[in-house]
Amino acid sequence: CAAGLEYVIFCQDTNGLAFHTLPLALGVSKDLDLIMNSIAVPRKAKQAIGGIAKLKKTTGEERTINVEYNQLDPLLRASGFPDGDVNDANGFSPFPGNINQLLFKLKPYSEALNRTQGAMPEFVNPKYADAEKTVFKKPTRLECMMQEFPATLDGDVVKQIGFTSIASDMCFSPVKNTIADGVVLQQKGTHPGVAASGEADQYAAFRKILSSVGCQVEEAAEVTFSGIKFIPGPEIVLKPNFVLCPGEYKTKFPQPASVKISSRSSLVVSGSGIVIESLDLDGALVIECEDGASGVVRDLVVKNKGWEKVADESSTSEEFIRMRGYHMNKIETQKIIFRKDGTVEGLPPPNKVEENIIEPADPFVKKTTPSSKVKDRSVELEVKVISKAESKAMLEKFDVTSPSNTTDAELDTKVQKDSGCCICQ
């Protein structure tokens, strides 16, 4: 294409989770030279998502295409599979679920559009309110879908249609159902597809990726809001301008074993110039980096009251609150901003150690030190580690004359003075 673009991705079903695995699917399309690549997930039999199948005509012509879930089972029963759509030994249907994340190679896609003028095959997809299929759940409409694109192709190019199946917890968490429908689906063992689960799954994907590179990320216990069960945290949001692809995480977290996030924590990071080397988080932390700025988070310990979810089903609450069943109470947050002028806001200063000062856990050390001036005897010294300024002030109080010509008795008197000694040879 003129702009230098080679591929285009179409995202449907309000499924933001798919972006985590887009680079993987792009690599598959490139390696296999696919015109169309459908991102798919393992699918339970009769689950209400279309199944990817290879259809073969009596003439021998084949094509890989999506078959809508309400058509797949009848098609199988009419094609020599008397049980229809059933799970195999792995517990899933042999036909992976199409999640409507479609990756196209632009040049052949554009050629097909010019040839067909954008016209796609049409069909009716009725959705019923009862098991007997006698009552429509909603008015039935005529549909045409982008996943029907292979039906517009002929010849050898149909061999360049494929799919990439990926674990659903990394790429599929649509937000399209009401809470009431989600509760019913979850009781049947199916993903609820509601706002609360969609948000929780985004946090979970970040946790899985961080854990996979070696970060220490605890997982919270399951909670229930408005009848929907999910793992609430830790809530982790890594903005695309901080890290975009799973392959970039090792660059942004170069010492992952030194990154620890507790189960009740919340972490939000944005900005391309940030690197997190070592962090111990038990609470809420927001890190921002302005364009053109850079910063390293090192040896940072954050412990505060953090954020908590509060059940909220009030009819007066905003719609997005009612959709997920809770609001967030941000009790206490530490916020750090790296600015392009080099300043940092909100980052605690590192512990400064004054030059030539050692700060042991116990500043008082008793030890027995032999003296060349006191034969066959030892002098017990009580040593206090002090700063240069303190040393100068104390020296003005004492006689620091060289004891090279001092008798043993006089030496003993000097070394037993309060607060320490000075023996010059």
Foldseek 3Di string as FASTA:
>chain_A
DVVPDFKDKDADQQFPLQLQCVVVQVVVCVVLVAQKAFEWAFAAFLPQFWFWDWDADPVGDIFTFTDGSVVQQVVCCVVPNVVGFHADPVRTTPTTGGNRTMMGGPPVVVVLCVVVVNDADKDKDFDAPDPVRPHTPDDIDIDGDPRRVLVSDDDPSSVSYYYHYDHCLRHPQGADDFLVQLLVQVVVVHHSSFLQASQQSVQVNVVVLLVVVPAAEDWADWDDFSNDIGTRDPREAEDVQCPRYSVCVCVQAVQRNQHHEYRPEHEYEHHNQEHEDHEADAAYEYEYEDVQFHDYHDPYYDHDPHKDWDFDCDPPDDPSCNRNGTDMDGPDYQYWYTYNVRDIPRGDDDDDDPPPFDDDPDQWDWDWDDDPQDPPDIDIWTDGTDDPVVVVVVVVVADQPACPVPHPVVVVVQQPDPPGHHHDD
